[in-house]
Amino acid sequence: MLQNCFTHSHWQDAFEAAEFVFERISNLALRSLDNEDKQHLLGLMAEVASDGVAAALFANKGCLAALNLLEQGRGVLAESIEAMRVDIMQLQEHYPDMAHQFVRLRDELEGVASDSDDEDGISRSDQRSKTGKEFDKLIEDIRSLPEFSSFLGQPSEAEIQGAAVGWAAGCHQRQQVSL
């Protein structure tokens, strides 16, 4: 759909499509995919981020909207490993039980890599799905805690502006843009 919107210069539709993808990417549970599928999906997310940034600017949505899409794409691609470590350290300091549960579930998700069945006949993909749902629920619970509303999430406008040094540039296969 994004490619069609770009072909016909429907910038608003392209922007909304990119937002739609990033709003729902967490529901895809990347954790439940095997490595080859993850790599393919992450490649698509890089394209969506690039297209979304260009569409945001051409649809006159402003730099913040474009930067938010850029950040969401970066977050999906990199999974914000360093930010995750910082968030976990802060969680450990304030809520050690939740931090322990987070690390346990994360490690479980990373360790359940094969699709074969275990001795109880439960498929690995079913186990990943179950653990992924527990993990998502825990993140939701953590985000409901004071000072943890953006736990593993995209930064607020104030955080983006505070981290900004100058400008950002984005290259798109059809357009060149800067923020």
N, C-alpha and C. Protein backbone atom coordinates (compact mmCIF):
# COMPACT_ATOMS: atom_id res chain seq x y z
N MET A 1 0.81 -1.18 0.00
CA MET A 1 0.00 0.00 0.00
C MET A 1 0.87 1.27 0.00
N LEU A 2 1.94 1.23 0.81
CA LEU A 2 2.82 2.39 0.86
C LEU A 2 3.39 2.72 -0.52
N GLN A 3 3.81 1.69 -1.24
CA GLN A 3 4.40 1.92 -2.56
C GLN A 3 3.38 2.56 -3.50
N ASN A 4 2.14 2.10 -3.42
CA ASN A 4 1.08 2.67 -4.25
C ASN A 4 0.84 4.14 -3.89
N CYS A 5 0.84 4.43 -2.61
CA CYS A 5 0.66 5.82 -2.17
C CYS A 5 1.78 6.71 -2.68
N PHE A 6 3.02 6.19 -2.66
CA PHE A 6 4.15 6.97 -3.14
C PHE A 6 4.07 7.19 -4.65
N THR A 7 3.68 6.15 -5.36
CA THR A 7 3.58 6.26 -6.82
C THR A 7 2.61 7.37 -7.23
N HIS A 8 1.55 7.52 -6.44
CA HIS A 8 0.52 8.51 -6.77
C HIS A 8 0.60 9.77 -5.91
N SER A 9 1.69 9.92 -5.16
CA SER A 9 1.92 11.09 -4.30
C SER A 9 0.78 11.33 -3.31
N HIS A 10 0.26 10.27 -2.75
CA HIS A 10 -0.77 10.36 -1.70
C HIS A 10 -0.06 10.34 -0.35
N TRP A 11 0.52 11.46 -0.01
CA TRP A 11 1.40 11.54 1.17
C TRP A 11 0.65 11.29 2.47
N GLN A 12 -0.54 11.83 2.62
CA GLN A 12 -1.32 11.63 3.84
C GLN A 12 -1.63 10.14 4.04
N ASP A 13 -2.04 9.46 2.98
CA ASP A 13 -2.35 8.03 3.07
C ASP A 13 -1.09 7.23 3.39
N ALA A 14 0.02 7.61 2.79
CA ALA A 14 1.28 6.91 3.06
C ALA A 14 1.70 7.09 4.53
N PHE A 15 1.56 8.31 5.01
CA PHE A 15 1.88 8.60 6.42
C PHE A 15 1.01 7.77 7.34
N GLU A 16 -0.29 7.74 7.09
CA GLU A 16 -1.21 6.97 7.93
C GLU A 16 -0.92 5.47 7.86
N ALA A 17 -0.53 4.98 6.70
CA ALA A 17 -0.19 3.57 6.56
C ALA A 17 1.05 3.23 7.40
N ALA A 18 2.05 4.11 7.36
CA ALA A 18 3.26 3.87 8.16
C ALA A 18 2.94 3.90 9.64
N GLU A 19 2.13 4.86 10.07
CA GLU A 19 1.72 4.92 11.47
C GLU A 19 0.98 3.64 11.87
N PHE A 20 0.10 3.18 11.00
CA PHE A 20 -0.68 1.97 11.25
C PHE A 20 0.25 0.78 11.48
N VAL A 21 1.27 0.65 10.63
CA VAL A 21 2.21 -0.47 10.76
C VAL A 21 2.93 -0.41 12.10
N PHE A 22 3.45 0.76 12.46
CA PHE A 22 4.21 0.86 13.70
C PHE A 22 3.34 0.77 14.94
N GLU A 23 2.09 1.16 14.85
CA GLU A 23 1.19 1.01 15.99
C GLU A 23 0.90 -0.45 16.26
N ARG A 24 0.98 -1.27 15.23
CA ARG A 24 0.62 -2.68 15.38
C ARG A 24 1.79 -3.65 15.36
N ILE A 25 2.99 -3.15 15.14
CA ILE A 25 4.13 -4.05 15.05
C ILE A 25 4.34 -4.85 16.32
N SER A 26 4.07 -4.26 17.48
CA SER A 26 4.27 -5.00 18.72
C SER A 26 3.31 -6.18 18.80
N ASN A 27 2.16 -6.08 18.15
CA ASN A 27 1.21 -7.19 18.15
C ASN A 27 1.69 -8.36 17.31
N LEU A 28 2.68 -8.13 16.45
CA LEU A 28 3.20 -9.22 15.63
C LEU A 28 4.09 -10.15 16.43
N ALA A 29 4.48 -9.74 17.61
CA ALA A 29 5.31 -10.55 18.51
C ALA A 29 6.53 -11.09 17.76
N LEU A 30 7.46 -10.20 17.45
CA LEU A 30 8.70 -10.61 16.80
C LEU A 30 9.36 -11.78 17.53
N ARG A 31 9.15 -11.83 18.83
CA ARG A 31 9.77 -12.89 19.62
C ARG A 31 9.32 -14.27 19.19
N SER A 32 8.14 -14.38 18.59
CA SER A 32 7.62 -15.70 18.23
C SER A 32 8.10 -16.16 16.85
N LEU A 33 8.84 -15.31 16.14
CA LEU A 33 9.31 -15.65 14.81
C LEU A 33 10.70 -16.27 14.86
N ASP A 34 11.00 -17.12 13.85
CA ASP A 34 12.36 -17.64 13.78
C ASP A 34 13.25 -16.55 13.17
N ASN A 35 14.56 -16.77 13.20
CA ASN A 35 15.51 -15.73 12.80
C ASN A 35 15.32 -15.27 11.36
N GLU A 36 15.08 -16.19 10.44
CA GLU A 36 14.92 -15.81 9.03
C GLU A 36 13.70 -14.91 8.85
N ASP A 37 12.59 -15.26 9.50
CA ASP A 37 11.38 -14.43 9.42
C ASP A 37 11.61 -13.07 10.07
N LYS A 38 12.33 -13.04 11.21
CA LYS A 38 12.63 -11.78 11.87
C LYS A 38 13.44 -10.87 10.95
N GLN A 39 14.45 -11.44 10.30
CA GLN A 39 15.31 -10.64 9.42
C GLN A 39 14.51 -10.06 8.27
N HIS A 40 13.62 -10.87 7.70
CA HIS A 40 12.79 -10.38 6.60
C HIS A 40 11.88 -9.25 7.08
N LEU A 41 11.22 -9.45 8.21
CA LEU A 41 10.30 -8.43 8.74
C LEU A 41 11.05 -7.16 9.11
N LEU A 42 12.23 -7.30 9.71
CA LEU A 42 13.01 -6.12 10.07
C LEU A 42 13.45 -5.34 8.84
N GLY A 43 13.75 -6.04 7.75
CA GLY A 43 14.07 -5.36 6.50
C GLY A 43 12.89 -4.56 5.99
N LEU A 44 11.70 -5.14 6.08
CA LEU A 44 10.49 -4.42 5.69
C LEU A 44 10.26 -3.20 6.58
N MET A 45 10.55 -3.34 7.87
CA MET A 45 10.34 -2.21 8.79
C MET A 45 11.28 -1.06 8.47
N ALA A 46 12.48 -1.36 8.00
CA ALA A 46 13.40 -0.29 7.59
C ALA A 46 12.81 0.49 6.43
N GLU A 47 12.19 -0.22 5.48
CA GLU A 47 11.56 0.45 4.34
C GLU A 47 10.37 1.29 4.80
N VAL A 48 9.56 0.73 5.70
CA VAL A 48 8.38 1.45 6.20
C VAL A 48 8.83 2.72 6.93
N ALA A 49 9.89 2.63 7.71
CA ALA A 49 10.38 3.81 8.43
C ALA A 49 10.84 4.88 7.44
N SER A 50 11.59 4.48 6.45
CA SER A 50 12.07 5.43 5.45
C SER A 50 10.91 6.07 4.70
N ASP A 51 9.99 5.25 4.24
CA ASP A 51 8.81 5.76 3.54
C ASP A 51 7.98 6.67 4.45
N GLY A 52 7.82 6.26 5.70
CA GLY A 52 7.01 7.03 6.64
C GLY A 52 7.58 8.40 6.93
N VAL A 53 8.89 8.48 7.07
CA VAL A 53 9.54 9.78 7.32
C VAL A 53 9.31 10.70 6.13
N ALA A 54 9.56 10.20 4.93
CA ALA A 54 9.35 11.03 3.73
C ALA A 54 7.88 11.44 3.62
N ALA A 55 6.97 10.51 3.85
CA ALA A 55 5.54 10.82 3.74
C ALA A 55 5.13 11.86 4.77
N ALA A 56 5.65 11.74 6.00
CA ALA A 56 5.31 12.71 7.05
C ALA A 56 5.72 14.12 6.63
N LEU A 57 6.88 14.25 6.06
CA LEU A 57 7.36 15.56 5.65
C LEU A 57 6.58 16.11 4.44
N PHE A 58 6.32 15.24 3.46
CA PHE A 58 5.58 15.70 2.28
C PHE A 58 4.11 15.94 2.59
N ALA A 59 3.59 15.31 3.63
CA ALA A 59 2.19 15.55 4.04
C ALA A 59 2.11 16.71 5.03
N ASN A 60 3.24 17.39 5.23
CA ASN A 60 3.30 18.54 6.15
C ASN A 60 2.88 18.19 7.57
N LYS A 61 3.32 17.01 8.05
CA LYS A 61 3.01 16.58 9.41
C LYS A 61 4.01 17.13 10.42
N GLY A 62 5.09 17.68 9.94
CA GLY A 62 6.08 18.28 10.82
C GLY A 62 7.21 17.33 11.17
N CYS A 63 8.24 17.95 11.69
CA CYS A 63 9.45 17.19 12.02
C CYS A 63 9.23 16.19 13.15
N LEU A 64 8.42 16.54 14.13
CA LEU A 64 8.20 15.63 15.25
C LEU A 64 7.53 14.33 14.78
N ALA A 65 6.54 14.44 13.91
CA ALA A 65 5.88 13.24 13.39
C ALA A 65 6.87 12.39 12.60
N ALA A 66 7.71 13.04 11.81
CA ALA A 66 8.72 12.31 11.04
C ALA A 66 9.73 11.65 11.97
N LEU A 67 10.19 12.40 12.97
CA LEU A 67 11.15 11.83 13.93
C LEU A 67 10.55 10.68 14.73
N ASN A 68 9.26 10.78 15.06
CA ASN A 68 8.61 9.69 15.77
C ASN A 68 8.61 8.41 14.93
N LEU A 69 8.31 8.54 13.64
CA LEU A 69 8.35 7.36 12.77
C LEU A 69 9.77 6.83 12.64
N LEU A 70 10.72 7.74 12.53
CA LEU A 70 12.12 7.34 12.46
C LEU A 70 12.53 6.59 13.72
N GLU A 71 12.13 7.12 14.87
CA GLU A 71 12.44 6.47 16.15
C GLU A 71 11.75 5.11 16.28
N GLN A 72 10.51 5.03 15.83
CA GLN A 72 9.81 3.76 15.90
C GLN A 72 10.50 2.73 15.02
N GLY A 73 10.92 3.15 13.83
CA GLY A 73 11.65 2.23 12.96
C GLY A 73 12.98 1.82 13.57
N ARG A 74 13.68 2.78 14.13
CA ARG A 74 14.95 2.47 14.77
C ARG A 74 14.74 1.53 15.94
N GLY A 75 13.67 1.78 16.68
CA GLY A 75 13.37 0.93 17.83
C GLY A 75 13.08 -0.50 17.44
N VAL A 76 12.35 -0.67 16.36
CA VAL A 76 12.04 -2.02 15.89
C VAL A 76 13.32 -2.68 15.40
N LEU A 77 14.12 -1.95 14.64
CA LEU A 77 15.33 -2.53 14.07
C LEU A 77 16.36 -2.88 15.14
N ALA A 78 16.60 -1.98 16.04
CA ALA A 78 17.65 -2.18 17.04
C ALA A 78 17.13 -2.76 18.34
N GLU A 79 15.83 -2.71 18.53
CA GLU A 79 15.17 -3.13 19.77
C GLU A 79 15.74 -2.40 20.98
N SER A 80 16.32 -1.27 20.71
CA SER A 80 16.82 -0.36 21.75
C SER A 80 17.52 -1.11 22.88
N ILE A 81 18.52 -1.90 22.53
CA ILE A 81 19.21 -2.74 23.51
C ILE A 81 19.80 -1.93 24.66
N GLU A 82 20.48 -0.85 24.33
CA GLU A 82 21.09 -0.06 25.40
C GLU A 82 20.02 0.58 26.28
N ALA A 83 18.97 1.12 25.65
CA ALA A 83 17.88 1.71 26.42
C ALA A 83 17.21 0.67 27.29
N MET A 84 17.12 -0.56 26.77
CA MET A 84 16.52 -1.64 27.54
C MET A 84 17.35 -1.90 28.80
N ARG A 85 18.66 -1.89 28.65
CA ARG A 85 19.52 -2.13 29.82
C ARG A 85 19.34 -1.04 30.87
N VAL A 86 19.27 0.21 30.41
CA VAL A 86 19.08 1.32 31.34
C VAL A 86 17.72 1.19 32.02
N ASP A 87 16.67 0.94 31.22
CA ASP A 87 15.33 0.78 31.79
C ASP A 87 15.30 -0.36 32.80
N ILE A 88 15.96 -1.44 32.50
CA ILE A 88 15.96 -2.59 33.41
C ILE A 88 16.72 -2.25 34.70
N MET A 89 17.82 -1.50 34.57
CA MET A 89 18.56 -1.11 35.76
C MET A 89 17.70 -0.21 36.66
N GLN A 90 16.97 0.71 36.05
CA GLN A 90 16.08 1.58 36.82
C GLN A 90 14.95 0.77 37.44
N LEU A 91 14.42 -0.17 36.69
CA LEU A 91 13.36 -1.04 37.21
C LEU A 91 13.89 -1.87 38.38
N GLN A 92 15.10 -2.39 38.23
CA GLN A 92 15.72 -3.19 39.30
C GLN A 92 15.86 -2.37 40.58
N GLU A 93 16.21 -1.12 40.41
CA GLU A 93 16.39 -0.23 41.56
C GLU A 93 15.07 0.01 42.31
N HIS A 94 13.99 0.18 41.57
CA HIS A 94 12.71 0.54 42.19
C HIS A 94 11.76 -0.64 42.41
N TYR A 95 11.80 -1.62 41.50
CA TYR A 95 10.88 -2.76 41.56
C TYR A 95 11.65 -4.04 41.22
N PRO A 96 12.46 -4.54 42.14
CA PRO A 96 13.33 -5.67 41.84
C PRO A 96 12.59 -6.95 41.43
N ASP A 97 11.42 -7.20 42.00
CA ASP A 97 10.68 -8.41 41.62
C ASP A 97 10.23 -8.36 40.17
N MET A 98 9.75 -7.19 39.75
CA MET A 98 9.33 -7.05 38.35
C MET A 98 10.54 -7.14 37.41
N ALA A 99 11.65 -6.59 37.82
CA ALA A 99 12.86 -6.66 37.00
C ALA A 99 13.29 -8.11 36.84
N HIS A 100 13.23 -8.87 37.92
CA HIS A 100 13.59 -10.29 37.86
C HIS A 100 12.66 -11.03 36.90
N GLN A 101 11.36 -10.76 37.00
CA GLN A 101 10.38 -11.41 36.13
C GLN A 101 10.62 -11.00 34.66
N PHE A 102 10.95 -9.74 34.44
CA PHE A 102 11.23 -9.26 33.09
C PHE A 102 12.42 -10.02 32.49
N VAL A 103 13.51 -10.10 33.25
CA VAL A 103 14.72 -10.78 32.76
C VAL A 103 14.44 -12.26 32.51
N ARG A 104 13.68 -12.88 33.40
CA ARG A 104 13.35 -14.30 33.24
C ARG A 104 12.56 -14.53 31.95
N LEU A 105 11.52 -13.73 31.73
CA LEU A 105 10.70 -13.89 30.53
C LEU A 105 11.48 -13.56 29.27
N ARG A 106 12.28 -12.49 29.32
CA ARG A 106 13.11 -12.14 28.16
C ARG A 106 14.07 -13.27 27.81
N ASP A 107 14.72 -13.82 28.83
CA ASP A 107 15.66 -14.92 28.60
C ASP A 107 14.94 -16.16 28.08
N GLU A 108 13.74 -16.41 28.58
CA GLU A 108 12.94 -17.53 28.08
C GLU A 108 12.65 -17.35 26.60
N LEU A 109 12.24 -16.14 26.23
CA LEU A 109 11.92 -15.88 24.83
C LEU A 109 13.14 -16.04 23.94
N GLU A 110 14.29 -15.60 24.41
CA GLU A 110 15.51 -15.72 23.63
C GLU A 110 15.99 -17.17 23.56
N GLY A 111 15.66 -17.96 24.57
CA GLY A 111 16.12 -19.34 24.62
C GLY A 111 15.25 -20.32 23.88
N VAL A 112 14.01 -19.97 23.60
CA VAL A 112 13.09 -20.88 22.94
C VAL A 112 13.22 -20.65 21.44
N ALA A 113 14.23 -21.29 20.83
CA ALA A 113 14.54 -20.98 19.45
C ALA A 113 14.06 -22.02 18.44
N SER A 114 13.88 -23.26 18.83
CA SER A 114 13.51 -24.27 17.85
C SER A 114 12.01 -24.48 17.84
N ASP A 115 11.51 -25.00 16.73
CA ASP A 115 10.07 -25.23 16.61
C ASP A 115 9.70 -26.67 16.94
N SER A 116 10.61 -27.45 17.46
CA SER A 116 10.28 -28.83 17.82
C SER A 116 9.47 -28.84 19.11
N ASP A 117 8.83 -29.97 19.37
CA ASP A 117 8.01 -30.10 20.57
C ASP A 117 8.88 -30.51 21.75
N ASP A 118 8.47 -30.08 22.96
CA ASP A 118 9.19 -30.53 24.14
C ASP A 118 8.60 -31.86 24.60
N GLU A 119 9.09 -32.37 25.71
CA GLU A 119 8.65 -33.68 26.17
C GLU A 119 7.17 -33.74 26.55
N ASP A 120 6.54 -32.62 26.82
CA ASP A 120 5.12 -32.60 27.14
C ASP A 120 4.25 -32.43 25.90
N GLY A 121 4.86 -32.35 24.71
CA GLY A 121 4.11 -32.21 23.48
C GLY A 121 3.71 -30.78 23.16
N ILE A 122 4.25 -29.81 23.88
CA ILE A 122 3.94 -28.40 23.63
C ILE A 122 4.94 -27.89 22.61
N SER A 123 4.43 -27.35 21.51
CA SER A 123 5.35 -26.86 20.48
C SER A 123 6.08 -25.62 20.99
N ARG A 124 7.28 -25.43 20.47
CA ARG A 124 8.09 -24.27 20.86
C ARG A 124 7.39 -22.98 20.44
N SER A 125 6.73 -23.00 19.29
CA SER A 125 6.05 -21.78 18.85
C SER A 125 4.88 -21.46 19.79
N ASP A 126 4.18 -22.49 20.29
CA ASP A 126 3.12 -22.25 21.27
C ASP A 126 3.69 -21.69 22.56
N GLN A 127 4.83 -22.23 22.98
CA GLN A 127 5.48 -21.75 24.20
C GLN A 127 5.95 -20.32 24.02
N ARG A 128 6.54 -20.00 22.84
CA ARG A 128 6.97 -18.62 22.57
C ARG A 128 5.79 -17.68 22.61
N SER A 129 4.68 -18.12 22.03
CA SER A 129 3.48 -17.28 22.00
C SER A 129 2.97 -17.02 23.42
N LYS A 130 2.91 -18.06 24.23
CA LYS A 130 2.44 -17.93 25.61
C LYS A 130 3.37 -17.02 26.41
N THR A 131 4.66 -17.25 26.30
CA THR A 131 5.63 -16.43 27.01
C THR A 131 5.60 -15.00 26.50
N GLY A 132 5.43 -14.82 25.18
CA GLY A 132 5.34 -13.48 24.60
C GLY A 132 4.17 -12.70 25.16
N LYS A 133 3.04 -13.37 25.35
CA LYS A 133 1.86 -12.71 25.92
C LYS A 133 2.12 -12.31 27.37
N GLU A 134 2.79 -13.20 28.12
CA GLU A 134 3.15 -12.86 29.51
C GLU A 134 4.08 -11.65 29.54
N PHE A 135 5.04 -11.65 28.63
CA PHE A 135 6.02 -10.57 28.53
C PHE A 135 5.32 -9.24 28.21
N ASP A 136 4.42 -9.28 27.23
CA ASP A 136 3.67 -8.06 26.86
C ASP A 136 2.84 -7.55 28.03
N LYS A 137 2.21 -8.44 28.76
CA LYS A 137 1.40 -8.06 29.92
C LYS A 137 2.29 -7.44 31.00
N LEU A 138 3.45 -8.02 31.22
CA LEU A 138 4.38 -7.47 32.21
C LEU A 138 4.82 -6.07 31.80
N ILE A 139 5.14 -5.86 30.53
CA ILE A 139 5.54 -4.52 30.07
C ILE A 139 4.40 -3.54 30.28
N GLU A 140 3.19 -3.97 30.00
CA GLU A 140 2.01 -3.11 30.24
C GLU A 140 1.91 -2.76 31.73
N ASP A 141 2.12 -3.74 32.61
CA ASP A 141 2.07 -3.49 34.05
C ASP A 141 3.19 -2.53 34.48
N ILE A 142 4.37 -2.73 33.92
CA ILE A 142 5.50 -1.85 34.25
C ILE A 142 5.20 -0.43 33.82
N ARG A 143 4.64 -0.26 32.62
CA ARG A 143 4.32 1.07 32.11
C ARG A 143 3.24 1.77 32.93
N SER A 144 2.51 1.03 33.73
CA SER A 144 1.49 1.66 34.57
C SER A 144 2.08 2.17 35.88
N LEU A 145 3.35 1.86 36.13
CA LEU A 145 4.02 2.31 37.35
C LEU A 145 4.47 3.76 37.21
N PRO A 146 4.53 4.48 38.34
CA PRO A 146 5.03 5.86 38.28
C PRO A 146 6.44 5.91 37.69
N GLU A 147 6.69 6.83 36.81
CA GLU A 147 7.99 7.07 36.18
C GLU A 147 8.42 5.98 35.19
N PHE A 148 7.54 5.06 34.83
CA PHE A 148 7.89 4.01 33.89
C PHE A 148 6.93 3.97 32.70
N SER A 149 6.22 5.06 32.44
CA SER A 149 5.22 5.07 31.37
C SER A 149 5.83 4.87 29.98
N SER A 150 7.11 5.21 29.81
CA SER A 150 7.75 5.02 28.50
C SER A 150 8.74 3.86 28.51
N PHE A 151 8.59 2.94 29.45
CA PHE A 151 9.48 1.78 29.56
C PHE A 151 9.52 1.04 28.23
N LEU A 152 10.71 0.92 27.64
CA LEU A 152 10.95 0.27 26.35
C LEU A 152 10.13 0.85 25.21
N GLY A 153 9.63 2.05 25.38
CA GLY A 153 8.81 2.68 24.35
C GLY A 153 9.54 3.80 23.65
N GLN A 154 8.80 4.49 22.79
CA GLN A 154 9.42 5.61 22.09
C GLN A 154 9.52 6.80 23.04
N PRO A 155 10.52 7.62 22.85
CA PRO A 155 10.71 8.77 23.73
C PRO A 155 9.63 9.83 23.53
N SER A 156 9.45 10.64 24.56
CA SER A 156 8.50 11.76 24.47
C SER A 156 9.12 12.87 23.63
N GLU A 157 8.30 13.85 23.28
CA GLU A 157 8.79 15.00 22.52
C GLU A 157 9.90 15.71 23.29
N ALA A 158 9.71 15.87 24.60
CA ALA A 158 10.73 16.54 25.42
C ALA A 158 12.04 15.76 25.41
N GLU A 159 11.97 14.42 25.48
CA GLU A 159 13.19 13.61 25.45
C GLU A 159 13.88 13.72 24.10
N ILE A 160 13.10 13.73 23.01
CA ILE A 160 13.70 13.88 21.67
C ILE A 160 14.38 15.23 21.56
N GLN A 161 13.69 16.28 21.99
CA GLN A 161 14.27 17.62 21.89
C GLN A 161 15.49 17.76 22.79
N GLY A 162 15.46 17.13 23.96
CA GLY A 162 16.60 17.18 24.86
C GLY A 162 17.82 16.48 24.31
N ALA A 163 17.58 15.44 23.51
CA ALA A 163 18.69 14.68 22.93
C ALA A 163 19.18 15.26 21.61
N ALA A 164 18.40 16.16 21.03
CA ALA A 164 18.74 16.70 19.72
C ALA A 164 19.99 17.57 19.80
N VAL A 165 20.87 17.34 18.86
CA VAL A 165 22.09 18.13 18.77
C VAL A 165 21.98 19.10 17.62
N GLY A 166 21.43 18.69 16.52
CA GLY A 166 21.35 19.55 15.34
C GLY A 166 20.21 19.14 14.46
N TRP A 167 20.50 18.34 13.46
CA TRP A 167 19.50 17.96 12.50
C TRP A 167 19.68 16.50 12.14
N ALA A 168 18.71 15.95 11.46
CA ALA A 168 18.77 14.57 10.98
C ALA A 168 18.50 14.58 9.49
N ALA A 169 19.11 13.65 8.78
CA ALA A 169 18.87 13.53 7.35
C ALA A 169 18.40 12.13 7.07
N GLY A 170 17.50 12.01 6.13
CA GLY A 170 17.00 10.71 5.73
C GLY A 170 17.09 10.58 4.23
N CYS A 171 17.48 9.41 3.78
CA CYS A 171 17.53 9.16 2.35
C CYS A 171 16.44 8.17 2.00
N HIS A 172 15.69 8.48 1.02
CA HIS A 172 14.62 7.63 0.55
C HIS A 172 14.92 7.33 -0.91
N GLN A 173 14.50 6.18 -1.39
CA GLN A 173 14.85 5.82 -2.76
C GLN A 173 14.34 6.80 -3.80
N ARG A 174 13.27 7.53 -3.50
CA ARG A 174 12.73 8.48 -4.45
C ARG A 174 12.94 9.94 -4.04
N GLN A 175 13.16 10.18 -2.77
CA GLN A 175 13.21 11.55 -2.27
C GLN A 175 14.37 11.68 -1.28
N GLN A 176 14.87 12.87 -1.10
CA GLN A 176 15.88 13.15 -0.08
C GLN A 176 15.30 14.19 0.85
N VAL A 177 15.34 13.92 2.14
CA VAL A 177 14.71 14.82 3.11
C VAL A 177 15.66 15.06 4.27
N SER A 178 15.45 16.18 4.96
CA SER A 178 16.20 16.44 6.18
C SER A 178 15.25 17.02 7.21
N LEU A 179 15.56 16.76 8.48
CA LEU A 179 14.72 17.22 9.59
C LEU A 179 15.49 18.23 10.42
